């Protein structure tokens, strides 16, 4: 495995513009992956340090090799970024979450993030035990399966698919991508698009790894860990992730929350900071051409109020 097997970091210049690592201080990279964003922060900010976190042991191994030249300016931690952030006591100059999966995770057949023929239904961010995607398909009640496909995969025929899965698993357990795709073909029709497969695989992955719950836990923790004037950047790839980030940032940036009918403010609420990206930033056409997997990336940034 080499560094190039991990995805090219997206929106690097946009992230650096928002974080301003040249100001120095400690930066939290909650999804360090192969270390691309972390390295860019360390290069741009000669006085900056980085805590890099990932649940994927393979990613951390690559990041460790890539970031070795920066010595004590880097600390790498294996774990859940929400939990690690809650244990971080030093104020953060900046924080970054680059959500989703890496190209390595998708391309490595054994990790089970793709629907290549014969690929195992795994999809765990960490290989250190726990349930797999196959376990979800074999064990979740029909109603819960339908809810996963509808909520996270935006699949209108989710009940039909869940019923087909339950019917099939009575005689043979789901084990590989072939099993899941065959159920999709019967339930959703013979002409099954790559986009539909991607949505349904994504739905299973999000449910299995608790990705939205982790994000919801982490955002307020990172907000509170920021030093005055510190910046939080989030790159989202899924509409539900993007909605959570957008709503949180707007809520933190809102002052008065009194009912509209009151003549004067009685809540006395003071905004915790302000959004610094009024509209989500997207990759340029040139970046998408060079890295097609960047096409759905959306960056939002928020700055904590000065003391």
Protein backbone atom coordinates (compact mmCIF):
# COMPACT_ATOMS: atom_id res chain seq x y z
CA UNK A 1 0.00 0.00 0.00
CA UNK A 2 1.34 3.42 -0.94
CA UNK A 3 0.32 6.98 -0.23
CA UNK A 4 -1.08 7.34 -3.72
CA UNK A 5 -3.68 4.69 -2.97
CA UNK A 6 -5.46 7.17 -0.74
CA UNK A 7 -7.58 9.89 -2.25
CA UNK A 8 -6.20 13.21 -3.32
CA UNK A 9 -7.37 15.74 -0.71
CA UNK A 10 -10.12 17.98 -2.05
CA UNK A 11 -10.51 21.75 -1.82
CA UNK A 12 -7.05 22.11 -0.28
CA UNK A 13 -6.56 25.78 -1.11
CA UNK A 14 -10.08 26.63 0.07
CA UNK A 15 -9.43 24.84 3.38
CA UNK A 16 -6.12 26.66 3.86
CA UNK A 17 -7.75 29.99 3.08
CA UNK A 18 -10.33 29.46 5.81
CA UNK A 19 -8.07 27.90 8.46
CA UNK A 20 -5.14 30.30 7.94
CA UNK A 21 -2.58 27.89 9.44
CA UNK A 22 0.12 30.53 9.01
CA UNK A 23 -1.29 32.00 12.25
CA UNK A 24 0.16 28.99 14.05
CA UNK A 25 -1.47 27.02 16.83
CA UNK A 26 -2.95 23.54 17.11
CA UNK A 27 -5.18 22.18 14.32
CA UNK A 28 -7.47 19.16 14.61
CA UNK A 29 -7.86 16.97 11.52
CA UNK A 30 -10.65 14.62 12.54
CA UNK A 31 -10.54 12.54 9.36
CA UNK A 32 -6.85 12.53 8.53
CA UNK A 33 -7.02 9.78 5.87
CA UNK A 34 -3.72 9.61 4.02
CA UNK A 35 -2.58 12.91 5.56
CA UNK A 36 -3.01 15.21 2.57
CA UNK A 37 -4.84 18.06 4.29
CA UNK A 38 -2.68 17.70 7.42
CA UNK A 39 0.51 18.00 5.38
CA UNK A 40 -0.82 21.09 3.59
CA UNK A 41 -1.59 22.70 6.97
CA UNK A 42 1.92 21.93 8.26
CA UNK A 43 3.59 23.28 5.10
CA UNK A 44 1.55 26.50 5.04
CA UNK A 45 1.78 27.04 8.79
CA UNK A 46 5.39 26.66 9.86
CA UNK A 47 4.37 27.25 13.49
CA UNK A 48 1.27 25.06 13.31
CA UNK A 49 0.79 21.61 14.83
CA UNK A 50 -1.76 18.94 13.92
CA UNK A 51 -3.70 16.27 15.78
CA UNK A 52 -4.77 13.76 13.12
CA UNK A 53 -7.52 11.26 13.91
CA UNK A 54 -8.93 8.32 11.95
CA UNK A 55 -10.86 5.11 12.63
CA UNK A 56 -9.06 3.39 9.74
CA UNK A 57 -5.79 1.80 10.87
CA UNK A 58 -4.55 1.56 7.26
CA UNK A 59 -5.09 5.28 6.77
CA UNK A 60 -3.14 6.10 9.92
CA UNK A 61 -0.23 3.94 8.76
CA UNK A 62 -0.05 5.90 5.51
CA UNK A 63 -0.46 9.24 7.28
CA UNK A 64 2.30 8.30 9.74
CA UNK A 65 4.78 7.70 6.89
CA UNK A 66 3.71 10.81 5.02
CA UNK A 67 3.89 13.10 8.04
CA UNK A 68 7.03 11.62 9.63
CA UNK A 69 9.24 14.53 8.44
CA UNK A 70 7.21 16.93 10.61
CA UNK A 71 8.23 15.16 13.80
CA UNK A 72 6.70 16.43 17.02
CA UNK A 73 4.44 18.85 15.17
CA UNK A 74 2.14 15.89 14.48
CA UNK A 75 0.18 13.60 16.79
CA UNK A 76 -1.82 10.76 15.22
CA UNK A 77 -4.64 9.05 17.11
CA UNK A 78 -6.71 6.00 16.24
CA UNK A 79 -10.35 6.52 17.17
CA UNK A 80 -13.68 8.28 16.80
CA UNK A 81 -13.08 11.97 16.07
CA UNK A 82 -15.95 13.07 18.33
CA UNK A 83 -14.47 11.17 21.28
CA UNK A 84 -10.89 12.31 20.62
CA UNK A 85 -12.03 15.93 20.30
CA UNK A 86 -13.78 15.69 23.68
CA UNK A 87 -10.47 14.65 25.28
CA UNK A 88 -8.47 17.46 23.67
CA UNK A 89 -7.72 20.08 26.31
CA UNK A 90 -5.53 22.55 24.39
CA UNK A 91 -7.55 25.24 22.54
CA UNK A 92 -7.69 24.70 18.79
CA UNK A 93 -6.71 27.32 16.24
CA UNK A 94 -8.65 25.33 13.64
CA UNK A 95 -10.44 22.08 12.99
CA UNK A 96 -11.26 20.14 9.82
CA UNK A 97 -13.62 17.26 9.10
CA UNK A 98 -13.39 15.75 5.61
CA UNK A 99 -16.32 13.33 5.74
CA UNK A 100 -17.13 10.25 3.66
CA UNK A 101 -14.71 7.53 2.51
CA UNK A 102 -11.30 7.59 0.86
CA UNK A 103 -10.52 6.35 -2.62
CA UNK A 104 -8.40 3.62 -1.02
CA UNK A 105 -11.37 2.32 0.95
CA UNK A 106 -13.46 2.23 -2.23
CA UNK A 107 -10.74 0.72 -4.42
CA UNK A 108 -9.61 -1.96 -1.94
CA UNK A 109 -12.04 -4.78 -2.74
CA UNK A 110 -11.51 -6.52 0.58
CA UNK A 111 -12.83 -3.51 2.50
CA UNK A 112 -16.26 -4.09 0.97
CA UNK A 113 -17.12 -0.46 0.17
CA UNK A 114 -17.78 -1.20 -3.53
CA UNK A 115 -20.09 -3.48 -5.50
CA UNK A 116 -17.34 -5.22 -7.46
CA UNK A 117 -18.22 -8.87 -8.06
CA UNK A 118 -17.33 -11.05 -5.10
CA UNK A 119 -16.50 -8.16 -2.75
CA UNK A 120 -17.35 -8.92 0.88
CA UNK A 121 -20.15 -6.92 2.48
CA UNK A 122 -17.93 -5.33 5.11
CA UNK A 123 -17.84 -1.47 4.99
CA UNK A 124 -16.39 -1.01 8.49
CA UNK A 125 -14.33 2.16 8.86
CA UNK A 126 -12.22 0.25 11.38
CA UNK A 127 -11.32 -3.40 11.02
CA UNK A 128 -11.08 -3.82 14.81
CA UNK A 129 -14.21 -5.95 15.16
CA UNK A 130 -17.84 -4.98 15.23
CA UNK A 131 -20.77 -5.60 12.90
CA UNK A 132 -20.37 -5.63 9.12
CA UNK A 133 -22.75 -4.55 6.38
CA UNK A 134 -23.59 -8.23 5.87
CA UNK A 135 -24.67 -8.42 9.50
CA UNK A 136 -27.08 -5.52 8.96
CA UNK A 137 -28.63 -7.15 5.91
CA UNK A 138 -28.94 -10.49 7.70
CA UNK A 139 -30.17 -9.26 11.05
CA UNK A 140 -32.04 -5.93 10.91
CA UNK A 141 -35.84 -6.16 11.00
CA UNK A 142 -37.55 -5.42 7.70
CA UNK A 143 -38.93 -2.05 8.85
CA UNK A 144 -35.50 -0.90 10.02
CA UNK A 145 -33.87 -1.92 6.74
CA UNK A 146 -36.51 0.02 4.82
CA UNK A 147 -35.88 3.06 7.02
CA UNK A 148 -32.11 2.89 6.39
CA UNK A 149 -32.57 2.81 2.61
CA UNK A 150 -35.16 5.59 2.68
CA UNK A 151 -33.42 7.96 5.11
CA UNK A 152 -29.81 7.56 4.04
CA UNK A 153 -30.22 6.35 0.46
CA UNK A 154 -33.31 8.43 -0.47
CA UNK A 155 -34.78 5.29 -2.04
CA UNK A 156 -38.54 5.57 -2.63
CA UNK A 157 -38.85 1.81 -3.12
CA UNK A 158 -37.15 1.05 0.17
CA UNK A 159 -39.94 -1.19 1.50
CA UNK A 160 -39.84 -3.34 -1.61
CA UNK A 161 -36.07 -3.74 -1.30
CA UNK A 162 -36.22 -4.54 2.41
CA UNK A 163 -38.90 -7.19 1.79
CA UNK A 164 -36.77 -8.83 -0.92
CA UNK A 165 -33.73 -8.91 1.39
CA UNK A 166 -35.71 -10.53 4.21
CA UNK A 167 -37.16 -13.09 1.78
CA UNK A 168 -33.72 -14.05 0.47
CA UNK A 169 -31.97 -14.27 3.81
CA UNK A 170 -34.43 -16.93 5.00
CA UNK A 171 -32.69 -19.42 2.72
CA UNK A 172 -29.21 -17.94 2.25
CA UNK A 173 -27.33 -15.33 4.26
CA UNK A 174 -25.96 -12.24 2.51
CA UNK A 175 -22.17 -12.43 2.22
CA UNK A 176 -20.94 -10.61 -0.91
CA UNK A 177 -21.78 -7.71 -3.19
CA UNK A 178 -23.33 -10.19 -5.63
CA UNK A 179 -26.00 -11.08 -3.05
CA UNK A 180 -26.94 -7.46 -2.36
CA UNK A 181 -26.93 -6.40 -6.02
CA UNK A 182 -29.11 -9.41 -6.96
CA UNK A 183 -31.68 -8.31 -4.37
CA UNK A 184 -31.59 -4.77 -5.77
CA UNK A 185 -32.16 -6.02 -9.32
CA UNK A 186 -35.25 -8.00 -8.36
CA UNK A 187 -36.76 -5.35 -6.09
CA UNK A 188 -35.91 -2.25 -8.12
CA UNK A 189 -36.02 -3.52 -11.69
CA UNK A 190 -33.56 -4.99 -14.13
CA UNK A 191 -31.98 -1.69 -15.23
CA UNK A 192 -30.02 -0.87 -12.09
CA UNK A 193 -27.90 2.26 -12.43
CA UNK A 194 -24.52 2.81 -10.83
CA UNK A 195 -25.97 5.83 -9.07
CA UNK A 196 -28.66 3.72 -7.41
CA UNK A 197 -26.10 1.16 -6.26
CA UNK A 198 -23.95 3.97 -4.87
CA UNK A 199 -26.87 5.44 -2.93
CA UNK A 200 -27.82 2.12 -1.35
CA UNK A 201 -24.25 1.17 -0.48
CA UNK A 202 -23.82 4.61 1.03
CA UNK A 203 -26.97 4.14 3.11
CA UNK A 204 -25.65 0.87 4.59
CA UNK A 205 -22.25 2.43 5.26
CA UNK A 206 -23.71 5.46 7.06
CA UNK A 207 -25.91 3.26 9.25
CA UNK A 208 -23.16 0.75 10.01
CA UNK A 209 -20.58 3.35 11.06
CA UNK A 210 -22.95 5.77 12.80
CA UNK A 211 -21.57 8.57 10.66
CA UNK A 212 -24.33 11.13 11.17
CA UNK A 213 -24.49 10.54 14.92
CA UNK A 214 -20.71 10.98 15.16
CA UNK A 215 -20.93 14.24 13.23
CA UNK A 216 -23.75 15.58 15.42
CA UNK A 217 -21.74 14.75 18.56
CA UNK A 218 -18.51 16.23 17.26
CA UNK A 219 -19.66 19.60 15.97
CA UNK A 220 -20.54 21.24 19.31
CA UNK A 221 -17.47 19.69 20.94
CA UNK A 222 -15.18 21.17 18.29
CA UNK A 223 -16.96 24.54 18.54
CA UNK A 224 -16.26 24.62 22.28
CA UNK A 225 -12.63 23.50 21.82
CA UNK A 226 -11.86 26.33 19.38
CA UNK A 227 -9.92 29.28 20.73
CA UNK A 228 -11.50 32.73 20.19
CA UNK A 229 -11.28 33.45 16.46
CA UNK A 230 -10.66 29.77 15.67
CA UNK A 231 -12.19 28.22 12.54
CA UNK A 232 -14.08 24.97 11.95
CA UNK A 233 -14.20 23.61 8.38
CA UNK A 234 -16.34 20.68 7.24
CA UNK A 235 -16.29 19.02 3.81
CA UNK A 236 -19.50 17.02 3.28
CA UNK A 237 -20.41 14.69 0.42
CA UNK A 238 -23.95 13.64 1.38
CA UNK A 239 -27.02 15.87 1.58
CA UNK A 240 -27.80 14.77 5.14
CA UNK A 241 -24.27 15.57 6.33
CA UNK A 242 -24.41 18.94 4.61
CA UNK A 243 -27.79 19.73 6.19
CA UNK A 244 -26.52 18.98 9.71
CA UNK A 245 -23.50 21.24 9.22
CA UNK A 246 -25.54 24.04 7.66
CA UNK A 247 -28.13 24.01 10.43
CA UNK A 248 -25.54 23.91 13.22
CA UNK A 249 -23.47 26.74 11.77
CA UNK A 250 -26.54 28.91 11.27
CA UNK A 251 -27.81 28.21 14.77
CA UNK A 252 -24.46 29.13 16.32
CA UNK A 253 -24.41 32.36 14.28
CA UNK A 254 -27.89 33.48 15.34
CA UNK A 255 -28.44 36.11 18.02
CA UNK A 256 -32.03 36.68 19.15
CA UNK A 257 -34.33 33.65 19.10
CA UNK A 258 -37.35 35.35 20.66
CA UNK A 259 -40.79 34.78 19.09
CA UNK A 260 -41.42 37.26 16.23
CA UNK A 261 -44.29 38.99 18.04
CA UNK A 262 -42.24 40.35 20.95
CA UNK A 263 -41.50 44.09 20.73
CA UNK A 264 -38.03 43.74 22.29
CA UNK A 265 -35.54 40.92 22.73
CA UNK A 266 -35.83 39.16 26.07
CA UNK A 267 -33.63 36.10 25.40
CA UNK A 268 -30.36 38.05 25.45
CA UNK A 269 -28.70 35.46 23.27
CA UNK A 270 -25.30 36.33 21.82
CA UNK A 271 -24.06 34.50 18.70
CA UNK A 272 -21.17 32.10 19.34
CA UNK A 273 -19.55 33.16 16.07
CA UNK A 274 -20.30 33.62 12.39
CA UNK A 275 -20.41 31.66 9.16
CA UNK A 276 -17.54 32.63 6.88
CA UNK A 277 -18.87 30.72 3.89
CA UNK A 278 -22.35 32.12 3.21
CA UNK A 279 -22.71 29.50 0.49
CA UNK A 280 -21.03 26.10 0.44
CA UNK A 281 -17.82 26.07 -1.60
CA UNK A 282 -17.51 23.45 -4.36
CA UNK A 283 -14.46 22.17 -6.27
CA UNK A 284 -13.56 23.88 -9.51
CA UNK A 285 -14.16 22.21 -12.87
CA UNK A 286 -10.40 21.64 -13.13
CA UNK A 287 -10.26 19.87 -9.75
CA UNK A 288 -13.23 17.67 -10.65
CA UNK A 289 -11.61 16.78 -13.98
CA UNK A 290 -8.43 15.75 -12.15
CA UNK A 291 -10.29 13.98 -9.34
CA UNK A 292 -13.87 12.99 -10.32
CA UNK A 293 -14.64 11.80 -6.79
CA UNK A 294 -14.42 15.42 -5.63
CA UNK A 295 -17.53 16.40 -7.58
CA UNK A 296 -19.98 16.14 -4.65
CA UNK A 297 -17.74 17.84 -2.07
CA UNK A 298 -19.16 20.90 -0.31
CA UNK A 299 -17.10 23.00 2.13
CA UNK A 300 -18.55 25.16 4.88
CA UNK A 301 -16.57 27.15 7.47
CA UNK A 302 -17.45 28.88 10.74
CA UNK A 303 -15.39 31.24 12.93
CA UNK A 304 -15.76 31.43 16.70
CA UNK A 305 -16.33 34.89 18.14
CA UNK A 306 -13.32 36.75 19.46
CA UNK A 307 -13.05 37.04 23.23
